[in-house]
Amino acid sequence: FQGQRWMSHVDKISAAVGVHKPCSQLNCSCYLSVLKDDLMPFGGGISEDLMMATVRRGLGTHYQIINHKLYREQSCMFPARCSGVEHFILEIIDRLPDVEMVINVRDYPQVPGWVQPVLPVLSFSKTPDYRDIMYPAWTFWEGGPAVWPIYPTGLGRWDLMRDDLQKSAAQWPWKRKSSKGFFRGSRTSAERDPLILLSRQEPDLVDAQYTKNQAWRSEKVRIFRHLQYRYLFNFRGVAASFRLKHLFMCGSLVFHVGDEWVEFFYPKLRPWVHYIPVKQDLSDVRELLQFVKENDVAAESIAKRGQDFILDHLRMEDVSCYWEKLLTDFSQQLKYKPKRRKNYSQLSQFSRTEL
């Protein structure tokens, strides 16, 4: 480590790595504490009345699994997102008990913490202010955000993208990457502005530009261009960022801005162990970039741990495994046996469009 100037950051890394216990790779056990926390409000069970009240409020799409068959109400706000969810359920349906659930495919969680009783709604992302139960997002299969003109059908097929990124990352080892920060994205919130401004003031420190409807437009950048830089920035969008898992796969050091929004796998990613935490207002970003530039060995070690975590614990089998544990454990909270609604359509692998 370089010099006394950075001792506070060095101490944070040492302390975080010192107490960190790596997860087991078996049976998605890494994330079971997340599931346990999410289901805690339902320790007394979920009554049929509570479930029906949740369905009536239209907080998501109502699904039923009866005798290893999947049924759904007619309407789904985002068909590609529902299709991504259904892919994972149908893949494991032979092992699932009878259960019904409301799955929210909107960007935003639906169950504020102050609402009583807590309504059983599954959502892909939330903040500590919400009580939604997290599920692995549809984007692991399809229905990710469309990024024109590069990913017009949306980022999807995590298994294929993961393999591609792993192969491409091998072509860009740490020593070959440019030692500066990199960000491309649209201006979904003003909190990204300070990074763009810093990029104009200190282009040797960070290359950050907006991509959409901006005077300072930059070319759309494929995710693979990110491989060429050592430090990559992750911001939330409207909710959690689908980009995060892709950035870790680049073998670069992730600068994760703000810690409010989470997906099911985030809680097991640790600041200073797997990524560099950045304040929401970016007031510390310049100092953090200078720190990692002057402490290259430490920076590379964090990047490697972040990449290894995603390689070891966010495989497609982990995503499927979490879906199975989630729906199995959720079914055990139901205090009644779900009855099939006759007007719901049965869904099968063949009735859906595969990529």
Protein backbone atom coordinates (compact mmCIF):
# COMPACT_ATOMS: atom_id res chain seq x y z
CA PHE A 1 0.00 0.00 0.00
CA GLN A 2 1.24 3.47 -0.88
CA GLY A 3 1.86 5.97 1.89
CA GLN A 4 0.09 7.16 5.02
CA ARG A 5 -2.40 9.22 3.06
CA TRP A 6 -4.54 6.20 2.31
CA MET A 7 -4.46 4.44 5.68
CA SER A 8 -8.19 4.86 6.34
CA HIS A 9 -9.04 3.10 3.05
CA VAL A 10 -6.39 0.45 3.64
CA ASP A 11 -7.86 -0.22 7.10
CA LYS A 12 -11.37 -0.57 5.64
CA ILE A 13 -10.15 -3.17 3.15
CA SER A 14 -8.20 -5.10 5.81
CA ALA A 15 -11.13 -5.09 8.23
CA ALA A 16 -13.68 -6.15 5.58
CA VAL A 17 -11.51 -8.94 4.17
CA GLY A 18 -10.63 -10.07 7.70
CA VAL A 19 -14.23 -10.77 8.71
CA HIS A 20 -15.46 -11.98 5.31
CA LYS A 21 -16.41 -15.65 5.14
CA PRO A 22 -16.67 -16.94 1.56
CA CYS A 23 -19.93 -18.73 0.69
CA SER A 24 -20.40 -22.37 -0.17
CA GLN A 25 -21.17 -23.08 -3.84
CA LEU A 26 -23.64 -25.82 -2.95
CA ASN A 27 -27.40 -25.48 -3.47
CA CYS A 28 -27.42 -21.65 -3.64
CA SER A 29 -26.85 -21.75 0.14
CA CYS A 30 -25.05 -18.41 -0.17
CA TYR A 31 -28.39 -16.61 -0.48
CA LEU A 32 -30.60 -18.52 1.96
CA SER A 33 -30.21 -15.84 4.64
CA VAL A 34 -31.65 -13.32 2.14
CA LEU A 35 -34.68 -15.56 1.58
CA LYS A 36 -35.10 -16.09 5.32
CA ASP A 37 -35.10 -12.33 5.95
CA ASP A 38 -37.60 -11.73 3.15
CA LEU A 39 -40.02 -14.36 4.47
CA MET A 40 -39.73 -13.26 8.11
CA PRO A 41 -42.84 -11.02 8.05
CA PHE A 42 -44.89 -14.12 7.14
CA GLY A 43 -43.86 -16.28 10.09
CA GLY A 44 -47.51 -16.52 11.14
CA GLY A 45 -48.46 -17.84 7.73
CA ILE A 46 -50.35 -16.42 4.75
CA SER A 47 -54.12 -16.81 4.83
CA GLU A 48 -56.30 -17.19 1.77
CA ASP A 49 -57.95 -13.85 2.62
CA LEU A 50 -54.58 -12.09 2.64
CA MET A 51 -53.59 -13.64 -0.70
CA MET A 52 -56.92 -12.72 -2.30
CA ALA A 53 -56.62 -9.14 -1.03
CA THR A 54 -53.15 -8.97 -2.62
CA VAL A 55 -54.50 -10.31 -5.93
CA ARG A 56 -57.42 -7.84 -5.92
CA ARG A 57 -55.09 -4.89 -5.41
CA GLY A 58 -53.34 -5.63 -8.69
CA LEU A 59 -49.83 -5.35 -7.26
CA GLY A 60 -48.49 -7.87 -9.76
CA THR A 61 -49.41 -10.84 -11.95
CA HIS A 62 -51.23 -13.72 -10.24
CA TYR A 63 -49.71 -17.16 -10.86
CA GLN A 64 -50.84 -20.59 -9.66
CA ILE A 65 -48.92 -23.86 -9.66
CA ILE A 66 -51.31 -26.81 -9.33
CA ASN A 67 -50.23 -30.43 -9.89
CA HIS A 68 -46.97 -29.30 -11.51
CA LYS A 69 -48.77 -27.11 -14.03
CA LEU A 70 -48.41 -23.33 -14.27
CA TYR A 71 -51.44 -21.06 -14.65
CA ARG A 72 -51.63 -17.29 -14.98
CA GLU A 73 -54.24 -14.58 -15.16
CA GLN A 74 -54.72 -13.21 -18.67
CA SER A 75 -53.08 -9.84 -18.29
CA CYS A 76 -49.38 -9.17 -17.89
CA MET A 77 -48.13 -5.61 -18.08
CA PHE A 78 -44.76 -6.55 -19.64
CA PRO A 79 -45.05 -9.82 -21.62
CA ALA A 80 -41.27 -10.26 -22.13
CA ARG A 81 -40.71 -9.87 -18.38
CA CYS A 82 -43.44 -12.38 -17.53
CA SER A 83 -41.95 -14.72 -20.10
CA GLY A 84 -38.54 -14.44 -18.44
CA VAL A 85 -40.08 -15.28 -15.06
CA GLU A 86 -42.08 -18.18 -16.52
CA HIS A 87 -38.97 -19.68 -18.10
CA PHE A 88 -37.44 -20.30 -14.66
CA ILE A 89 -40.67 -21.58 -13.08
CA LEU A 90 -41.39 -24.01 -15.93
CA GLU A 91 -37.83 -25.30 -15.77
CA ILE A 92 -38.33 -26.54 -12.18
CA ILE A 93 -42.10 -27.08 -12.12
CA ASP A 94 -41.87 -30.87 -11.72
CA ARG A 95 -40.24 -30.29 -8.33
CA LEU A 96 -42.57 -27.55 -7.07
CA PRO A 97 -45.46 -27.98 -4.62
CA ASP A 98 -48.89 -26.43 -5.17
CA VAL A 99 -48.59 -22.70 -4.54
CA GLU A 100 -49.96 -19.38 -5.75
CA MET A 101 -48.19 -16.04 -5.72
CA VAL A 102 -48.33 -12.49 -6.99
CA ILE A 103 -45.23 -11.62 -9.03
CA ASN A 104 -44.57 -7.94 -9.67
CA VAL A 105 -42.72 -7.32 -12.96
CA ARG A 106 -42.73 -3.54 -12.68
CA ASP A 107 -39.48 -1.71 -11.96
CA TYR A 108 -40.64 -0.64 -8.52
CA PRO A 109 -41.44 -2.62 -5.34
CA GLN A 110 -45.05 -2.56 -4.12
CA VAL A 111 -45.10 -3.18 -0.36
CA PRO A 112 -44.00 -0.20 1.79
CA GLY A 113 -42.79 -1.19 5.25
CA TRP A 114 -45.54 0.80 7.00
CA VAL A 115 -48.38 -1.16 5.36
CA GLN A 116 -50.08 -3.64 7.71
CA PRO A 117 -50.64 -6.47 7.24
CA VAL A 118 -47.59 -7.07 5.05
CA LEU A 119 -48.82 -8.18 1.62
CA PRO A 120 -47.07 -11.18 -0.01
CA VAL A 121 -45.70 -9.73 -3.27
CA LEU A 122 -42.62 -10.99 -5.12
CA SER A 123 -40.46 -8.24 -6.69
CA PHE A 124 -36.99 -8.32 -8.24
CA SER A 125 -35.60 -5.34 -6.32
CA LYS A 126 -36.26 -3.19 -3.27
CA THR A 127 -34.83 -0.77 -0.72
CA PRO A 128 -34.85 -1.25 3.08
CA ASP A 129 -38.14 0.70 3.14
CA TYR A 130 -40.00 -2.15 1.42
CA ARG A 131 -41.12 -5.65 2.44
CA ASP A 132 -41.41 -7.26 -0.99
CA ILE A 133 -39.96 -10.78 -1.34
CA MET A 134 -37.12 -10.73 -3.86
CA TYR A 135 -36.91 -13.12 -6.80
CA PRO A 136 -34.17 -13.42 -9.47
CA ALA A 137 -35.11 -10.93 -12.19
CA TRP A 138 -36.51 -11.92 -15.59
CA THR A 139 -33.37 -10.44 -17.16
CA PHE A 140 -31.40 -13.58 -16.35
CA TRP A 141 -33.34 -15.03 -19.30
CA GLU A 142 -34.96 -12.24 -21.34
CA GLY A 143 -36.84 -8.96 -21.12
CA GLY A 144 -33.89 -6.83 -20.03
CA PRO A 145 -33.74 -3.14 -20.86
CA ALA A 146 -33.48 -2.49 -24.60
CA VAL A 147 -30.28 -0.63 -25.41
CA TRP A 148 -30.61 0.65 -28.97
CA PRO A 149 -29.10 -0.11 -31.38
CA ILE A 150 -26.74 -2.54 -29.71
CA TYR A 151 -29.08 -4.73 -27.65
CA PRO A 152 -32.47 -3.93 -29.26
CA THR A 153 -34.16 -6.99 -27.72
CA GLY A 154 -32.72 -6.19 -24.31
CA LEU A 155 -29.88 -7.60 -22.26
CA GLY A 156 -30.80 -11.22 -21.65
CA ARG A 157 -29.58 -14.83 -21.62
CA TRP A 158 -27.24 -14.35 -18.69
CA ASP A 159 -25.71 -17.79 -19.36
CA LEU A 160 -24.59 -16.77 -22.86
CA MET A 161 -23.54 -13.24 -21.90
CA ARG A 162 -21.59 -14.61 -18.92
CA ASP A 163 -19.65 -17.02 -21.13
CA ASP A 164 -18.95 -14.30 -23.70
CA LEU A 165 -17.78 -11.87 -21.04
CA GLN A 166 -15.56 -14.47 -19.40
CA LYS A 167 -13.85 -15.24 -22.72
CA SER A 168 -13.50 -11.55 -23.60
CA ALA A 169 -12.22 -10.63 -20.13
CA ALA A 170 -9.38 -13.13 -20.60
CA GLN A 171 -8.25 -11.00 -23.58
CA TRP A 172 -8.08 -7.94 -21.32
CA PRO A 173 -6.04 -8.86 -18.23
CA TRP A 174 -5.61 -6.18 -15.57
CA LYS A 175 -2.21 -5.00 -16.82
CA ARG A 176 -3.64 -4.38 -20.29
CA LYS A 177 -6.60 -2.28 -19.07
CA SER A 178 -6.50 1.51 -19.01
CA SER A 179 -6.08 2.80 -15.43
CA LYS A 180 -9.02 5.17 -15.45
CA GLY A 181 -12.70 5.09 -14.54
CA PHE A 182 -15.31 4.45 -17.22
CA PHE A 183 -19.05 5.06 -17.46
CA ARG A 184 -21.61 5.19 -20.25
CA GLY A 185 -25.31 5.51 -19.54
CA SER A 186 -28.38 7.65 -19.90
CA ARG A 187 -29.20 10.49 -17.52
CA THR A 188 -31.91 8.72 -15.51
CA SER A 189 -31.07 10.86 -12.49
CA ALA A 190 -29.02 13.93 -11.64
CA GLU A 191 -26.84 11.92 -9.24
CA ARG A 192 -24.67 10.87 -12.19
CA ASP A 193 -23.85 14.48 -13.17
CA PRO A 194 -20.80 14.95 -10.88
CA LEU A 195 -19.03 12.02 -12.56
CA ILE A 196 -19.63 13.49 -16.02
CA LEU A 197 -18.30 16.85 -14.80
CA LEU A 198 -15.23 15.21 -13.23
CA SER A 199 -14.57 13.47 -16.55
CA ARG A 200 -14.46 16.84 -18.32
CA GLN A 201 -12.19 18.36 -15.65
CA GLU A 202 -9.86 15.37 -15.25
CA PRO A 203 -10.05 13.14 -18.34
CA ASP A 204 -7.01 11.16 -17.16
CA LEU A 205 -8.95 10.05 -14.08
CA VAL A 206 -12.28 9.05 -15.60
CA ASP A 207 -13.99 8.80 -18.99
CA ALA A 208 -17.73 9.29 -18.32
CA GLN A 209 -20.36 10.39 -20.82
CA TYR A 210 -24.12 10.26 -21.24
CA THR A 211 -25.47 8.30 -24.18
CA LYS A 212 -29.00 9.57 -24.79
CA ASN A 213 -30.50 12.95 -25.65
CA GLN A 214 -27.50 14.87 -24.37
CA ALA A 215 -25.43 17.63 -25.94
CA TRP A 216 -22.28 15.67 -24.97
CA ARG A 217 -23.51 12.46 -26.56
CA SER A 218 -21.10 9.59 -26.82
CA GLU A 219 -21.32 6.58 -29.09
CA LYS A 220 -23.31 3.72 -27.68
CA VAL A 221 -20.84 1.42 -26.03
CA ARG A 222 -21.18 -2.32 -26.05
CA ILE A 223 -20.70 -3.88 -22.64
CA PHE A 224 -17.52 -5.42 -24.08
CA ARG A 225 -15.84 -2.02 -24.40
CA HIS A 226 -15.95 -1.79 -20.60
CA LEU A 227 -13.36 -4.58 -20.44
CA GLN A 228 -10.69 -2.10 -21.52
CA TYR A 229 -10.89 -0.06 -18.29
CA ARG A 230 -9.84 -0.91 -14.75
CA TYR A 231 -12.56 0.98 -12.86
CA LEU A 232 -16.24 0.70 -13.83
CA PHE A 233 -19.15 2.63 -12.34
CA ASN A 234 -22.50 1.15 -11.39
CA PHE A 235 -25.45 3.45 -10.70
CA ARG A 236 -29.01 2.50 -9.96
CA GLY A 237 -31.52 3.36 -12.68
CA VAL A 238 -35.20 3.61 -11.82
CA ALA A 239 -34.55 0.71 -9.44
CA ALA A 240 -31.57 -1.64 -9.07
CA SER A 241 -29.14 -1.76 -11.98
CA PHE A 242 -29.23 -4.81 -14.26
CA ARG A 243 -25.71 -3.86 -15.33
CA LEU A 244 -23.99 -4.75 -12.04
CA LYS A 245 -23.49 -8.48 -12.65
CA HIS A 246 -22.11 -7.76 -16.13
CA LEU A 247 -19.59 -5.25 -14.78
CA PHE A 248 -18.20 -7.75 -12.27
CA MET A 249 -17.63 -10.23 -15.10
CA CYS A 250 -15.31 -7.75 -16.85
CA GLY A 251 -12.53 -8.44 -14.33
CA SER A 252 -12.46 -4.71 -13.59
CA LEU A 253 -12.93 -2.99 -10.23
CA VAL A 254 -16.56 -2.02 -9.66
CA PHE A 255 -17.36 1.35 -8.11
CA HIS A 256 -20.87 0.83 -6.72
CA VAL A 257 -22.72 4.10 -6.09
CA GLY A 258 -25.19 4.12 -3.18
CA ASP A 259 -26.35 1.00 -1.36
CA GLU A 260 -30.13 1.37 -1.09
CA TRP A 261 -31.36 -0.72 -4.01
CA VAL A 262 -30.72 -4.46 -3.91
CA GLU A 263 -31.46 -7.61 -5.89
CA PHE A 264 -31.45 -11.05 -4.26
CA PHE A 265 -27.69 -11.56 -4.68
CA TYR A 266 -26.49 -8.08 -3.62
CA PRO A 267 -26.44 -8.64 0.17
CA LYS A 268 -23.66 -11.22 -0.23
CA LEU A 269 -21.45 -8.79 -2.14
CA ARG A 270 -19.40 -6.92 0.46
CA PRO A 271 -18.01 -3.38 0.22
CA TRP A 272 -14.19 -3.28 0.15
CA VAL A 273 -14.16 -7.07 -0.38
CA HIS A 274 -15.84 -7.29 -3.79
CA TYR A 275 -16.28 -3.64 -4.80
CA ILE A 276 -15.53 -0.02 -3.85
CA PRO A 277 -18.52 1.69 -2.21
CA VAL A 278 -19.16 5.26 -3.40
CA LYS A 279 -21.36 7.82 -1.66
CA GLN A 280 -24.65 8.57 -3.42
CA ASP A 281 -23.64 12.23 -3.92
CA LEU A 282 -20.24 11.16 -5.37
CA SER A 283 -18.44 13.51 -2.97
CA ASP A 284 -15.71 10.89 -2.43
CA VAL A 285 -15.31 9.68 -6.01
CA ARG A 286 -12.20 11.69 -6.95
CA GLU A 287 -10.35 10.57 -3.83
CA LEU A 288 -11.35 6.92 -4.37
CA LEU A 289 -10.12 6.95 -7.96
CA GLN A 290 -6.80 8.41 -6.83
CA PHE A 291 -6.57 5.77 -4.10
CA VAL A 292 -7.00 2.81 -6.45
CA LYS A 293 -4.59 4.28 -9.01
CA GLU A 294 -1.92 4.54 -6.31
CA ASN A 295 -2.73 1.14 -4.76
CA ASP A 296 -2.90 -1.07 -7.80
CA VAL A 297 -2.33 -4.43 -6.10
CA ALA A 298 -5.19 -3.84 -3.65
CA ALA A 299 -7.45 -2.66 -6.49
CA GLU A 300 -6.74 -5.73 -8.60
CA SER A 301 -7.39 -8.03 -5.62
CA ILE A 302 -10.83 -6.53 -5.00
CA ALA A 303 -11.65 -6.78 -8.73
CA LYS A 304 -10.63 -10.46 -8.72
CA ARG A 305 -12.77 -11.25 -5.66
CA GLY A 306 -15.76 -9.52 -7.27
CA GLN A 307 -15.39 -11.43 -10.51
CA ASP A 308 -14.85 -14.74 -8.68
CA PHE A 309 -18.01 -14.20 -6.63
CA ILE A 310 -20.16 -13.85 -9.75
CA LEU A 311 -18.40 -16.80 -11.44
CA ASP A 312 -18.88 -19.03 -8.40
CA HIS A 313 -22.27 -17.93 -7.08
CA LEU A 314 -24.29 -16.41 -9.92
CA ARG A 315 -24.42 -19.24 -12.40
CA MET A 316 -27.71 -20.15 -14.12
CA GLU A 317 -27.94 -23.13 -11.78
CA ASP A 318 -27.81 -20.72 -8.81
CA VAL A 319 -30.63 -18.65 -10.30
CA SER A 320 -32.80 -21.75 -10.86
CA CYS A 321 -31.91 -23.06 -7.43
CA TYR A 322 -32.99 -19.79 -5.78
CA TRP A 323 -36.31 -19.84 -7.65
CA GLU A 324 -36.92 -23.39 -6.40
CA LYS A 325 -36.04 -22.59 -2.77
CA LEU A 326 -38.09 -19.39 -2.90
CA LEU A 327 -41.28 -20.99 -4.25
CA THR A 328 -40.92 -24.09 -2.06
CA ASP A 329 -40.39 -22.07 1.13
CA PHE A 330 -43.10 -19.57 0.13
CA SER A 331 -45.58 -22.44 -0.37
CA GLN A 332 -44.94 -23.52 3.22
CA GLN A 333 -46.21 -20.14 4.44
CA LEU A 334 -49.64 -20.70 2.83
CA LYS A 335 -52.23 -21.79 5.40
CA TYR A 336 -54.58 -23.16 2.74
CA LYS A 337 -54.47 -25.28 -0.44
CA PRO A 338 -54.64 -23.14 -3.60
CA LYS A 339 -57.60 -23.85 -5.90
CA ARG A 340 -57.18 -23.49 -9.62
CA ARG A 341 -59.01 -20.57 -11.22
CA LYS A 342 -60.80 -21.94 -14.27
CA ASN A 343 -60.38 -18.76 -16.33
CA TYR A 344 -56.58 -18.80 -16.02
CA SER A 345 -54.50 -20.07 -18.95
CA GLN A 346 -52.05 -22.92 -18.58
CA LEU A 347 -48.53 -21.99 -19.61
CA SER A 348 -46.05 -24.46 -21.05
CA GLN A 349 -42.58 -24.25 -22.53
CA PHE A 350 -44.14 -24.71 -25.98
CA SER A 351 -46.63 -21.88 -25.64
CA ARG A 352 -43.82 -19.39 -25.12
CA THR A 353 -41.30 -17.90 -27.49
CA GLU A 354 -37.78 -19.04 -26.72
CA LEU A 355 -34.77 -16.94 -27.67
